[in-house]
Amino acid sequence: MFGFGKPKNPDAHRYYLLPGQGRGARRKHRMQLVAAWAVGAAAAGIIGGVVWFLNQRR
C-alpha cells in the first residue's frame, strides 16, 4: 500500500539501462570508434610528415 511492503513483481526493477545503453548505442559506439581511428591516423600522418620533413632538411 502506497509504497510500503514488497513490490508485486520484484524482478520488474532489477535491470535498468545506464545512459548510452539504449536504442542505437551500438551504432553510436561504432561511429565513435571509426572517428577515433580516423583522427589517430591523420595525427600520425601529420606527425610523421613533420618528422620526415625535418630529417630531409639536413
PDB file of N, CA and C in Angstrom:
ATOM      1  N   MET A   1       0.822  -1.192   0.000  1.00  0.00           N
ATOM      2  CA  MET A   1       0.000   0.000   0.000  1.00  0.00           C
ATOM      3  C   MET A   1       0.859   1.246   0.000  1.00  0.00           C
ATOM      4  N   PHE A   2       0.706   2.042  -0.966  1.00  0.00           N
ATOM      5  CA  PHE A   2       1.356   3.351  -1.019  1.00  0.00           C
ATOM      6  C   PHE A   2       2.852   3.280  -0.796  1.00  0.00           C
ATOM      7  N   GLY A   3       3.508   2.282  -1.393  1.00  0.00           N
ATOM      8  CA  GLY A   3       4.949   2.210  -1.310  1.00  0.00           C
ATOM      9  C   GLY A   3       5.496   1.390  -0.157  1.00  0.00           C
ATOM     10  N   PHE A   4       4.617   0.845   0.686  1.00  0.00           N
ATOM     11  CA  PHE A   4       5.079   0.040   1.807  1.00  0.00           C
ATOM     12  C   PHE A   4       4.960  -1.433   1.448  1.00  0.00           C
ATOM     13  N   GLY A   5       5.830  -2.236   2.004  1.00  0.00           N
ATOM     14  CA  GLY A   5       5.778  -3.667   1.756  1.00  0.00           C
ATOM     15  C   GLY A   5       6.541  -4.043   0.503  1.00  0.00           C
ATOM     16  N   LYS A   6       6.431  -5.325   0.156  1.00  0.00           N
ATOM     17  CA  LYS A   6       7.131  -5.830  -1.019  1.00  0.00           C
ATOM     18  C   LYS A   6       6.409  -5.416  -2.299  1.00  0.00           C
ATOM     19  N   PRO A   7       7.177  -5.122  -3.358  1.00  0.00           N
ATOM     20  CA  PRO A   7       6.514  -4.852  -4.640  1.00  0.00           C
ATOM     21  C   PRO A   7       5.892  -6.143  -5.174  1.00  0.00           C
ATOM     22  N   LYS A   8       4.902  -6.014  -6.027  1.00  0.00           N
ATOM     23  CA  LYS A   8       4.217  -7.184  -6.560  1.00  0.00           C
ATOM     24  C   LYS A   8       5.143  -8.029  -7.416  1.00  0.00           C
ATOM     25  N   ASN A   9       6.010  -7.365  -8.182  1.00  0.00           N
ATOM     26  CA  ASN A   9       6.945  -8.075  -9.050  1.00  0.00           C
ATOM     27  C   ASN A   9       8.352  -7.545  -8.763  1.00  0.00           C
ATOM     28  N   PRO A  10       9.114  -8.190  -7.881  1.00  0.00           N
ATOM     29  CA  PRO A  10      10.438  -7.656  -7.535  1.00  0.00           C
ATOM     30  C   PRO A  10      11.428  -7.669  -8.701  1.00  0.00           C
ATOM     31  N   ASP A  11      11.220  -8.522  -9.715  1.00  0.00           N
ATOM     32  CA  ASP A  11      12.136  -8.582 -10.857  1.00  0.00           C
ATOM     33  C   ASP A  11      11.886  -7.463 -11.865  1.00  0.00           C
ATOM     34  N   ALA A  12      10.804  -6.740 -11.728  1.00  0.00           N
ATOM     35  CA  ALA A  12      10.468  -5.705 -12.706  1.00  0.00           C
ATOM     36  C   ALA A  12      11.485  -4.573 -12.704  1.00  0.00           C
ATOM     37  N   HIS A  13      12.083  -4.277 -11.588  1.00  0.00           N
ATOM     38  CA  HIS A  13      13.019  -3.157 -11.487  1.00  0.00           C
ATOM     39  C   HIS A  13      14.450  -3.617 -11.223  1.00  0.00           C
ATOM     40  N   ARG A  14      14.724  -4.866 -11.475  1.00  0.00           N
ATOM     41  CA  ARG A  14      16.063  -5.384 -11.206  1.00  0.00           C
ATOM     42  C   ARG A  14      17.088  -4.858 -12.205  1.00  0.00           C
ATOM     43  N   TYR A  15      16.736  -4.805 -13.471  1.00  0.00           N
ATOM     44  CA  TYR A  15      17.656  -4.368 -14.506  1.00  0.00           C
ATOM     45  C   TYR A  15      17.236  -2.992 -15.012  1.00  0.00           C
ATOM     46  N   TYR A  16      18.210  -2.153 -15.237  1.00  0.00           N
ATOM     47  CA  TYR A  16      17.923  -0.826 -15.779  1.00  0.00           C
ATOM     48  C   TYR A  16      19.061  -0.455 -16.709  1.00  0.00           C
ATOM     49  N   LEU A  17      18.781   0.442 -17.613  1.00  0.00           N
ATOM     50  CA  LEU A  17      19.781   0.871 -18.585  1.00  0.00           C
ATOM     51  C   LEU A  17      20.461   2.141 -18.119  1.00  0.00           C
ATOM     52  N   LEU A  18      21.755   2.163 -18.245  1.00  0.00           N
ATOM     53  CA  LEU A  18      22.517   3.366 -17.972  1.00  0.00           C
ATOM     54  C   LEU A  18      22.461   4.268 -19.203  1.00  0.00           C
ATOM     55  N   PRO A  19      22.797   5.541 -19.047  1.00  0.00           N
ATOM     56  CA  PRO A  19      22.821   6.408 -20.229  1.00  0.00           C
ATOM     57  C   PRO A  19      23.800   5.863 -21.281  1.00  0.00           C
ATOM     58  N   GLY A  20      23.369   5.812 -22.501  1.00  0.00           N
ATOM     59  CA  GLY A  20      24.215   5.305 -23.576  1.00  0.00           C
ATOM     60  C   GLY A  20      24.013   3.838 -23.873  1.00  0.00           C
ATOM     61  N   GLN A  21      23.125   3.162 -23.137  1.00  0.00           N
ATOM     62  CA  GLN A  21      22.881   1.749 -23.388  1.00  0.00           C
ATOM     63  C   GLN A  21      21.556   1.512 -24.103  1.00  0.00           C
ATOM     64  N   GLY A  22      20.915   2.553 -24.509  1.00  0.00           N
ATOM     65  CA  GLY A  22      19.597   2.421 -25.121  1.00  0.00           C
ATOM     66  C   GLY A  22      19.677   2.087 -26.591  1.00  0.00           C
ATOM     67  N   ARG A  23      18.611   2.478 -27.285  1.00  0.00           N
ATOM     68  CA  ARG A  23      18.480   2.181 -28.707  1.00  0.00           C
ATOM     69  C   ARG A  23      19.548   2.925 -29.502  1.00  0.00           C
ATOM     70  N   GLY A  24      20.202   2.257 -30.416  1.00  0.00           N
ATOM     71  CA  GLY A  24      21.197   2.896 -31.275  1.00  0.00           C
ATOM     72  C   GLY A  24      22.567   3.059 -30.642  1.00  0.00           C
ATOM     73  N   ALA A  25      22.776   2.544 -29.447  1.00  0.00           N
ATOM     74  CA  ALA A  25      24.063   2.736 -28.774  1.00  0.00           C
ATOM     75  C   ALA A  25      25.195   2.011 -29.505  1.00  0.00           C
ATOM     76  N   ARG A  26      24.890   0.849 -30.052  1.00  0.00           N
ATOM     77  CA  ARG A  26      25.937   0.084 -30.750  1.00  0.00           C
ATOM     78  C   ARG A  26      26.430   0.845 -31.971  1.00  0.00           C
ATOM     79  N   ARG A  27      25.488   1.444 -32.736  1.00  0.00           N
ATOM     80  CA  ARG A  27      25.871   2.224 -33.914  1.00  0.00           C
ATOM     81  C   ARG A  27      26.647   3.471 -33.515  1.00  0.00           C
ATOM     82  N   LYS A  28      26.245   4.097 -32.428  1.00  0.00           N
ATOM     83  CA  LYS A  28      26.932   5.298 -31.959  1.00  0.00           C
ATOM     84  C   LYS A  28      28.363   4.961 -31.536  1.00  0.00           C
ATOM     85  N   HIS A  29      28.538   3.865 -30.818  1.00  0.00           N
ATOM     86  CA  HIS A  29      29.886   3.468 -30.400  1.00  0.00           C
ATOM     87  C   HIS A  29      30.756   3.119 -31.602  1.00  0.00           C
ATOM     88  N   ARG A  30      30.155   2.483 -32.612  1.00  0.00           N
ATOM     89  CA  ARG A  30      30.896   2.138 -33.827  1.00  0.00           C
ATOM     90  C   ARG A  30      31.354   3.410 -34.555  1.00  0.00           C
ATOM     91  N   MET A  31      30.451   4.392 -34.638  1.00  0.00           N
ATOM     92  CA  MET A  31      30.802   5.657 -35.303  1.00  0.00           C
ATOM     93  C   MET A  31      31.912   6.376 -34.541  1.00  0.00           C
ATOM     94  N   GLN A  32      31.852   6.359 -33.219  1.00  0.00           N
ATOM     95  CA  GLN A  32      32.897   7.000 -32.414  1.00  0.00           C
ATOM     96  C   GLN A  32      34.229   6.283 -32.590  1.00  0.00           C
ATOM     97  N   LEU A  33      34.203   4.958 -32.695  1.00  0.00           N
ATOM     98  CA  LEU A  33      35.435   4.202 -32.898  1.00  0.00           C
ATOM     99  C   LEU A  33      36.045   4.515 -34.263  1.00  0.00           C
ATOM    100  N   VAL A  34      35.230   4.579 -35.295  1.00  0.00           N
ATOM    101  CA  VAL A  34      35.721   4.912 -36.636  1.00  0.00           C
ATOM    102  C   VAL A  34      36.298   6.327 -36.649  1.00  0.00           C
ATOM    103  N   ALA A  35      35.612   7.260 -35.985  1.00  0.00           N
ATOM    104  CA  ALA A  35      36.113   8.631 -35.921  1.00  0.00           C
ATOM    105  C   ALA A  35      37.440   8.696 -35.166  1.00  0.00           C
ATOM    106  N   ALA A  36      37.563   7.934 -34.095  1.00  0.00           N
ATOM    107  CA  ALA A  36      38.808   7.920 -33.328  1.00  0.00           C
ATOM    108  C   ALA A  36      39.961   7.370 -34.170  1.00  0.00           C
ATOM    109  N   TRP A  37      39.685   6.293 -34.935  1.00  0.00           N
ATOM    110  CA  TRP A  37      40.721   5.736 -35.817  1.00  0.00           C
ATOM    111  C   TRP A  37      41.119   6.744 -36.885  1.00  0.00           C
ATOM    112  N   ALA A  38      40.159   7.453 -37.438  1.00  0.00           N
ATOM    113  CA  ALA A  38      40.455   8.430 -38.484  1.00  0.00           C
ATOM    114  C   ALA A  38      41.292   9.580 -37.938  1.00  0.00           C
ATOM    115  N   VAL A  39      40.929  10.088 -36.781  1.00  0.00           N
ATOM    116  CA  VAL A  39      41.693  11.186 -36.168  1.00  0.00           C
ATOM    117  C   VAL A  39      43.094  10.708 -35.798  1.00  0.00           C
ATOM    118  N   GLY A  40      43.203   9.502 -35.277  1.00  0.00           N
ATOM    119  CA  GLY A  40      44.515   8.952 -34.925  1.00  0.00           C
ATOM    120  C   GLY A  40      45.404   8.766 -36.142  1.00  0.00           C
ATOM    121  N   ALA A  41      44.829   8.268 -37.231  1.00  0.00           N
ATOM    122  CA  ALA A  41      45.609   8.087 -38.460  1.00  0.00           C
ATOM    123  C   ALA A  41      46.043   9.434 -39.028  1.00  0.00           C
ATOM    124  N   ALA A  42      45.154  10.420 -39.000  1.00  0.00           N
ATOM    125  CA  ALA A  42      45.512  11.750 -39.507  1.00  0.00           C
ATOM    126  C   ALA A  42      46.611  12.376 -38.652  1.00  0.00           C
ATOM    127  N   ALA A  43      46.502  12.272 -37.338  1.00  0.00           N
ATOM    128  CA  ALA A  43      47.520  12.838 -36.450  1.00  0.00           C
ATOM    129  C   ALA A  43      48.863  12.141 -36.664  1.00  0.00           C
ATOM    130  N   ALA A  44      48.837  10.816 -36.791  1.00  0.00           N
ATOM    131  CA  ALA A  44      50.082  10.080 -37.030  1.00  0.00           C
ATOM    132  C   ALA A  44      50.702  10.488 -38.357  1.00  0.00           C
ATOM    133  N   GLY A  45      49.858  10.674 -39.377  1.00  0.00           N
ATOM    134  CA  GLY A  45      50.377  11.105 -40.678  1.00  0.00           C
ATOM    135  C   GLY A  45      51.001  12.486 -40.619  1.00  0.00           C
ATOM    136  N   ILE A  46      50.362  13.399 -39.923  1.00  0.00           N
ATOM    137  CA  ILE A  46      50.905  14.761 -39.808  1.00  0.00           C
ATOM    138  C   ILE A  46      52.218  14.753 -39.038  1.00  0.00           C
ATOM    139  N   ILE A  47      52.252  14.050 -37.921  1.00  0.00           N
ATOM    140  CA  ILE A  47      53.495  13.991 -37.123  1.00  0.00           C
ATOM    141  C   ILE A  47      54.596  13.304 -37.918  1.00  0.00           C
ATOM    142  N   GLY A  48      54.255  12.215 -38.612  1.00  0.00           N
ATOM    143  CA  GLY A  48      55.244  11.529 -39.445  1.00  0.00           C
ATOM    144  C   GLY A  48      55.754  12.415 -40.564  1.00  0.00           C
ATOM    145  N   GLY A  49      54.853  13.189 -41.177  1.00  0.00           N
ATOM    146  CA  GLY A  49      55.265  14.118 -42.235  1.00  0.00           C
ATOM    147  C   GLY A  49      56.187  15.203 -41.717  1.00  0.00           C
ATOM    148  N   VAL A  50      55.903  15.724 -40.532  1.00  0.00           N
ATOM    149  CA  VAL A  50      56.767  16.757 -39.937  1.00  0.00           C
ATOM    150  C   VAL A  50      58.148  16.185 -39.630  1.00  0.00           C
ATOM    151  N   VAL A  51      58.191  14.988 -39.066  1.00  0.00           N
ATOM    152  CA  VAL A  51      59.487  14.361 -38.756  1.00  0.00           C
ATOM    153  C   VAL A  51      60.256  14.089 -40.047  1.00  0.00           C
ATOM    154  N   TRP A  52      59.564  13.591 -41.077  1.00  0.00           N
ATOM    155  CA  TRP A  52      60.228  13.329 -42.354  1.00  0.00           C
ATOM    156  C   TRP A  52      60.774  14.619 -42.964  1.00  0.00           C
ATOM    157  N   PHE A  53      59.949  15.691 -42.922  1.00  0.00           N
ATOM    158  CA  PHE A  53      60.371  16.976 -43.468  1.00  0.00           C
ATOM    159  C   PHE A  53      61.587  17.519 -42.722  1.00  0.00           C
ATOM    160  N   LEU A  54      61.598  17.410 -41.403  1.00  0.00           N
ATOM    161  CA  LEU A  54      62.736  17.896 -40.627  1.00  0.00           C
ATOM    162  C   LEU A  54      64.005  17.087 -40.899  1.00  0.00           C
ATOM    163  N   ASN A  55      63.845  15.790 -41.167  1.00  0.00           N
ATOM    164  CA  ASN A  55      65.012  14.977 -41.469  1.00  0.00           C
ATOM    165  C   ASN A  55      65.531  15.222 -42.886  1.00  0.00           C
ATOM    166  N   GLN A  56      64.690  15.652 -43.799  1.00  0.00           N
ATOM    167  CA  GLN A  56      65.104  15.928 -45.170  1.00  0.00           C
ATOM    168  C   GLN A  56      65.889  17.231 -45.262  1.00  0.00           C
ATOM    169  N   ARG A  57      65.715  18.122 -44.349  1.00  0.00           N
ATOM    170  CA  ARG A  57      66.358  19.431 -44.405  1.00  0.00           C
ATOM    171  C   ARG A  57      67.861  19.364 -44.093  1.00  0.00           C
ATOM    172  N   ARG A  58      68.338  18.302 -43.512  1.00  0.00           N
ATOM    173  CA  ARG A  58      69.736  18.221 -43.112  1.00  0.00           C
ATOM    174  C   ARG A  58      70.637  17.807 -44.219  1.00  0.00           C
TER     175      ARG A  58
END
